[in-house]
C-alpha atoms as a PDB file:
ATOM      1  CA  MET A   1      -6.716  -1.480 -10.135  1.00  0.00           C
ATOM      2  CA  SER A   2      -8.290   1.623  -9.351  1.00  0.00           C
ATOM      3  CA  LEU A   3      -6.208   4.530  -7.709  1.00  0.00           C
ATOM      4  CA  LYS A   4      -7.917   4.151  -4.528  1.00  0.00           C
ATOM      5  CA  ALA A   5      -7.208   0.645  -4.423  1.00  0.00           C
ATOM      6  CA  ARG A   6      -3.831   1.280  -4.917  1.00  0.00           C
ATOM      7  CA  ILE A   7      -3.328   3.723  -2.236  1.00  0.00           C
ATOM      8  CA  SER A   8      -4.338   1.564   0.388  1.00  0.00           C
ATOM      9  CA  ASP A   9      -2.367  -1.175  -1.117  1.00  0.00           C
ATOM     10  CA  ASP A  10       0.732   1.359  -0.448  1.00  0.00           C
ATOM     11  CA  MET A  11      -0.544   2.186   3.227  1.00  0.00           C
ATOM     12  CA  LYS A  12      -0.460  -1.725   3.662  1.00  0.00           C
ATOM     13  CA  ALA A  13       3.209  -1.888   2.524  1.00  0.00           C
ATOM     14  CA  ALA A  14       4.432   1.082   4.309  1.00  0.00           C
ATOM     15  CA  LEU A  15       2.826  -0.494   7.598  1.00  0.00           C
ATOM     16  CA  LYS A  16       4.743  -3.773   7.068  1.00  0.00           C
ATOM     17  CA  ALA A  17       8.101  -2.179   6.370  1.00  0.00           C
ATOM     18  CA  ARG A  18       7.468   0.177   9.069  1.00  0.00           C
ATOM     19  CA  ASP A  19       8.009   3.083   6.923  1.00  0.00           C
ATOM     20  CA  THR A  20       6.348   6.039   9.349  1.00  0.00           C
ATOM     21  CA  GLN A  21       6.921   8.919   6.936  1.00  0.00           C
ATOM     22  CA  ARG A  22       5.277   7.106   3.879  1.00  0.00           C
ATOM     23  CA  LEU A  23       2.808   5.980   6.383  1.00  0.00           C
ATOM     24  CA  SER A  24       1.765   9.309   7.284  1.00  0.00           C
ATOM     25  CA  ALA A  25       1.724  10.768   3.921  1.00  0.00           C
ATOM     26  CA  VAL A  26      -0.381   8.470   2.492  1.00  0.00           C
ATOM     27  CA  ARG A  27      -2.830   7.990   5.578  1.00  0.00           C
ATOM     28  CA  LEU A  28      -3.584  11.699   4.989  1.00  0.00           C
ATOM     29  CA  LEU A  29      -4.270  11.110   1.658  1.00  0.00           C
ATOM     30  CA  LEU A  30      -6.314   8.399   2.369  1.00  0.00           C
ATOM     31  CA  ALA A  31      -8.319  10.582   4.529  1.00  0.00           C
ATOM     32  CA  ALA A  32      -8.597  13.189   2.159  1.00  0.00           C
ATOM     33  CA  VAL A  33     -10.418  10.781  -0.182  1.00  0.00           C
ATOM     34  CA  LYS A  34     -12.904   9.434   2.839  1.00  0.00           C
ATOM     35  CA  GLN A  35     -13.583  12.641   3.693  1.00  0.00           C
ATOM     36  CA  ARG A  36     -14.481  14.009   0.010  1.00  0.00           C
ATOM     37  CA  GLU A  37     -16.432  10.521  -0.327  1.00  0.00           C
ATOM     38  CA  VAL A  38     -18.714  11.422   2.889  1.00  0.00           C
ATOM     39  CA  ASP A  39     -19.230  14.886   2.011  1.00  0.00           C
ATOM     40  CA  GLU A  40     -20.387  13.826  -1.403  1.00  0.00           C
ATOM     41  CA  ARG A  41     -22.139  10.755  -0.434  1.00  0.00           C
ATOM     42  CA  LYS A  42     -20.652   8.557  -3.597  1.00  0.00           C
ATOM     43  CA  GLU A  43     -17.602   6.333  -4.190  1.00  0.00           C
ATOM     44  CA  LEU A  44     -14.920   8.724  -5.739  1.00  0.00           C
ATOM     45  CA  ALA A  45     -13.951   7.966  -9.212  1.00  0.00           C
ATOM     46  CA  ASP A  46     -10.154   7.880 -10.283  1.00  0.00           C
ATOM     47  CA  ALA A  47     -10.733  11.442 -11.487  1.00  0.00           C
ATOM     48  CA  ASP A  48     -12.240  12.395  -8.292  1.00  0.00           C
ATOM     49  CA  VAL A  49      -9.424  11.239  -6.390  1.00  0.00           C
ATOM     50  CA  LEU A  50      -6.966  13.143  -8.819  1.00  0.00           C
ATOM     51  CA  THR A  51      -8.531  16.195  -8.089  1.00  0.00           C
ATOM     52  CA  VAL A  52      -8.279  15.476  -4.427  1.00  0.00           C
ATOM     53  CA  ILE A  53      -4.374  14.522  -4.838  1.00  0.00           C
ATOM     54  CA  GLU A  54      -4.133  17.854  -7.034  1.00  0.00           C
ATOM     55  CA  LYS A  55      -5.445  19.926  -4.121  1.00  0.00           C
ATOM     56  CA  MET A  56      -3.138  18.342  -1.919  1.00  0.00           C
ATOM     57  CA  LEU A  57      -0.186  18.797  -3.785  1.00  0.00           C
ATOM     58  CA  LYS A  58      -0.820  22.563  -4.051  1.00  0.00           C
ATOM     59  CA  GLN A  59      -1.463  23.031  -0.343  1.00  0.00           C
ATOM     60  CA  ARG A  60       1.672  21.115   0.037  1.00  0.00           C
ATOM     61  CA  ARG A  61       3.213  23.367  -2.467  1.00  0.00           C
ATOM     62  CA  ASP A  62       2.447  26.497  -0.613  1.00  0.00           C
ATOM     63  CA  SER A  63       3.408  25.399   3.190  1.00  0.00           C
ATOM     64  CA  LEU A  64       6.751  24.481   1.296  1.00  0.00           C
ATOM     65  CA  GLU A  65       7.127  27.976   0.116  1.00  0.00           C
ATOM     66  CA  GLN A  66       6.042  29.409   3.215  1.00  0.00           C
ATOM     67  CA  PHE A  67       8.119  27.173   5.628  1.00  0.00           C
ATOM     68  CA  ARG A  68      11.343  27.889   3.462  1.00  0.00           C
ATOM     69  CA  VAL A  69      10.772  31.946   3.827  1.00  0.00           C
ATOM     70  CA  ALA A  70      10.438  31.135   7.638  1.00  0.00           C
ATOM     71  CA  GLY A  71      13.540  28.985   7.598  1.00  0.00           C
ATOM     72  CA  ARG A  72      12.021  26.060   8.806  1.00  0.00           C
ATOM     73  CA  GLN A  73      14.200  23.465   7.081  1.00  0.00           C
ATOM     74  CA  ASP A  74      12.774  20.554   9.256  1.00  0.00           C
ATOM     75  CA  LEU A  75       8.920  21.113   8.500  1.00  0.00           C
ATOM     76  CA  ALA A  76      10.406  22.005   4.645  1.00  0.00           C
ATOM     77  CA  GLY A  77      11.426  18.366   4.466  1.00  0.00           C
ATOM     78  CA  VAL A  78       8.207  16.906   5.516  1.00  0.00           C
ATOM     79  CA  GLU A  79       6.212  18.751   2.935  1.00  0.00           C
ATOM     80  CA  ALA A  80       9.057  18.007   0.271  1.00  0.00           C
ATOM     81  CA  PHE A  81       8.460  14.390   0.980  1.00  0.00           C
ATOM     82  CA  GLU A  82       5.050  14.680   1.084  1.00  0.00           C
ATOM     83  CA  ILE A  83       5.045  16.228  -2.456  1.00  0.00           C
ATOM     84  CA  ASP A  84       7.120  13.412  -3.474  1.00  0.00           C
ATOM     85  CA  VAL A  85       4.512  10.727  -2.085  1.00  0.00           C
ATOM     86  CA  LEU A  86       1.738  12.357  -3.711  1.00  0.00           C
ATOM     87  CA  CYS A  87       3.064  13.138  -7.205  1.00  0.00           C
ATOM     88  CA  GLY A  88       3.689   9.020  -7.329  1.00  0.00           C
ATOM     89  CA  TYR A  89       0.081   9.338  -7.933  1.00  0.00           C
ATOM     90  CA  MET A  90      -0.323  11.494 -10.541  1.00  0.00           C
ATOM     91  CA  PRO A  91      -0.026  10.680 -14.314  1.00  0.00           C
ATOM     92  CA  GLN A  92       2.705  11.677 -16.192  1.00  0.00           C
ATOM     93  CA  GLN A  93       3.045  15.360 -16.349  1.00  0.00           C
ATOM     94  CA  ALA A  94       2.924  17.065 -19.809  1.00  0.00           C
ATOM     95  CA  THR A  95       5.975  19.054 -21.210  1.00  0.00           C
ATOM     96  CA  ASP A  96       5.993  22.755 -21.919  1.00  0.00           C
ATOM     97  CA  ALA A  97       5.746  21.851 -25.297  1.00  0.00           C
ATOM     98  CA  GLU A  98       2.855  19.665 -24.735  1.00  0.00           C
ATOM     99  CA  ILE A  99       1.167  22.496 -23.182  1.00  0.00           C
ATOM    100  CA  ALA A 100       1.841  24.946 -25.743  1.00  0.00           C
ATOM    101  CA  ALA A 101       0.368  22.564 -28.415  1.00  0.00           C
ATOM    102  CA  GLU A 102      -2.884  22.067 -26.928  1.00  0.00           C
ATOM    103  CA  VAL A 103      -3.260  25.752 -25.959  1.00  0.00           C
ATOM    104  CA  ALA A 104      -2.602  26.873 -29.381  1.00  0.00           C
ATOM    105  CA  ALA A 105      -5.241  24.186 -30.813  1.00  0.00           C
ATOM    106  CA  ALA A 106      -7.991  24.788 -27.925  1.00  0.00           C
ATOM    107  CA  VAL A 107      -7.443  29.040 -29.087  1.00  0.00           C
ATOM    108  CA  ALA A 108      -7.941  27.498 -32.689  1.00  0.00           C
ATOM    109  CA  ALA A 109     -10.778  25.553 -32.121  1.00  0.00           C
ATOM    110  CA  ALA A 110     -12.881  27.957 -29.872  1.00  0.00           C
ATOM    111  CA  ASP A 111     -11.677  30.655 -32.449  1.00  0.00           C
ATOM    112  CA  ALA A 112     -10.813  32.781 -29.523  1.00  0.00           C
ATOM    113  CA  LYS A 113     -10.070  36.520 -30.523  1.00  0.00           C
ATOM    114  CA  GLY A 114      -9.116  37.823 -27.068  1.00  0.00           C
ATOM    115  CA  MET A 115      -9.282  37.818 -23.552  1.00  0.00           C
ATOM    116  CA  ALA A 116     -12.786  37.714 -23.112  1.00  0.00           C
ATOM    117  CA  ASP A 117     -12.525  34.207 -24.791  1.00  0.00           C
ATOM    118  CA  MET A 118     -10.284  32.813 -21.964  1.00  0.00           C
ATOM    119  CA  GLY A 119     -12.874  30.787 -20.397  1.00  0.00           C
ATOM    120  CA  LYS A 120     -14.061  28.925 -23.479  1.00  0.00           C
ATOM    121  CA  VAL A 121     -10.499  28.079 -24.320  1.00  0.00           C
ATOM    122  CA  MET A 122      -9.676  27.327 -20.354  1.00  0.00           C
ATOM    123  CA  ALA A 123     -12.808  24.772 -19.849  1.00  0.00           C
ATOM    124  CA  SER A 124     -11.752  22.983 -22.810  1.00  0.00           C
ATOM    125  CA  LEU A 125      -8.185  22.721 -21.790  1.00  0.00           C
ATOM    126  CA  LYS A 126      -9.073  21.601 -18.481  1.00  0.00           C
ATOM    127  CA  MET A 127     -10.820  18.382 -19.808  1.00  0.00           C
ATOM    128  CA  LYS A 128      -7.702  17.547 -21.748  1.00  0.00           C
ATOM    129  CA  LEU A 129      -4.972  18.800 -19.314  1.00  0.00           C
ATOM    130  CA  ALA A 130      -6.505  17.654 -15.876  1.00  0.00           C
ATOM    131  CA  GLY A 131      -4.137  15.904 -13.607  1.00  0.00           C
ATOM    132  CA  ARG A 132      -1.424  16.225 -16.679  1.00  0.00           C
ATOM    133  CA  ALA A 133      -0.462  19.807 -15.957  1.00  0.00           C
ATOM    134  CA  ASP A 134      -0.606  22.576 -13.381  1.00  0.00           C
ATOM    135  CA  MET A 135      -3.555  24.561 -14.546  1.00  0.00           C
ATOM    136  CA  ALA A 136      -1.683  27.876 -13.103  1.00  0.00           C
ATOM    137  CA  LYS A 137       1.118  27.218 -16.048  1.00  0.00           C
ATOM    138  CA  VAL A 138      -1.586  26.661 -18.603  1.00  0.00           C
ATOM    139  CA  SER A 139      -3.721  29.651 -17.722  1.00  0.00           C
ATOM    140  CA  ALA A 140      -0.391  31.841 -18.089  1.00  0.00           C
ATOM    141  CA  ALA A 141       0.595  29.772 -21.302  1.00  0.00           C
ATOM    142  CA  VAL A 142      -3.499  30.925 -22.833  1.00  0.00           C
ATOM    143  CA  LYS A 143      -3.096  34.862 -21.331  1.00  0.00           C
ATOM    144  CA  ALA A 144       0.140  34.937 -23.565  1.00  0.00           C
ATOM    145  CA  ALA A 145      -1.633  33.395 -26.491  1.00  0.00           C
ATOM    146  CA  LEU A 146      -4.784  35.504 -26.048  1.00  0.00           C
ATOM    147  CA  GLY A 147      -2.901  38.467 -25.322  1.00  0.00           C
ATOM    148  CA  GLY A 148      -0.514  38.231 -28.361  1.00  0.00           C
ATOM    149  CA  GLN A 149      -3.753  37.814 -30.789  1.00  0.00           C
ATOM    150  CA  SER A 150      -5.544  40.977 -29.102  1.00  0.00           C
ATOM    151  CA  ALA A 151      -2.254  43.373 -29.819  1.00  0.00           C
END
């Protein structure tokens, strides 16, 4: 079953269960997927749907942080619930040790000597870790690895 079909089935289940909060979150996700399909004029594959979910997760995390700073716990709760729903569609996340191992392997494979080679390293890691790791974390790990080599 494709990811998009699973999301549609979850929307139907939320409708039947009268779970309005979950239904709202799933509908937002389906709307974002359909919008991207219309924009690109093609049916999205699972990898493309994961990209949409990642983008929505990043937006929700930013909003959650802003709501907490502003003291809006009611809105922060809604965002936190949507993050939980969206995370349910993501593949299992890579651990910090797995990320560190992938970074070390990519640095060695690209024969990276310093920060100038960061683009090559990140390009190879993006293919391997897409959807499984926060790319900001990966970028920080690459910077640390390359910064340590250039010193």
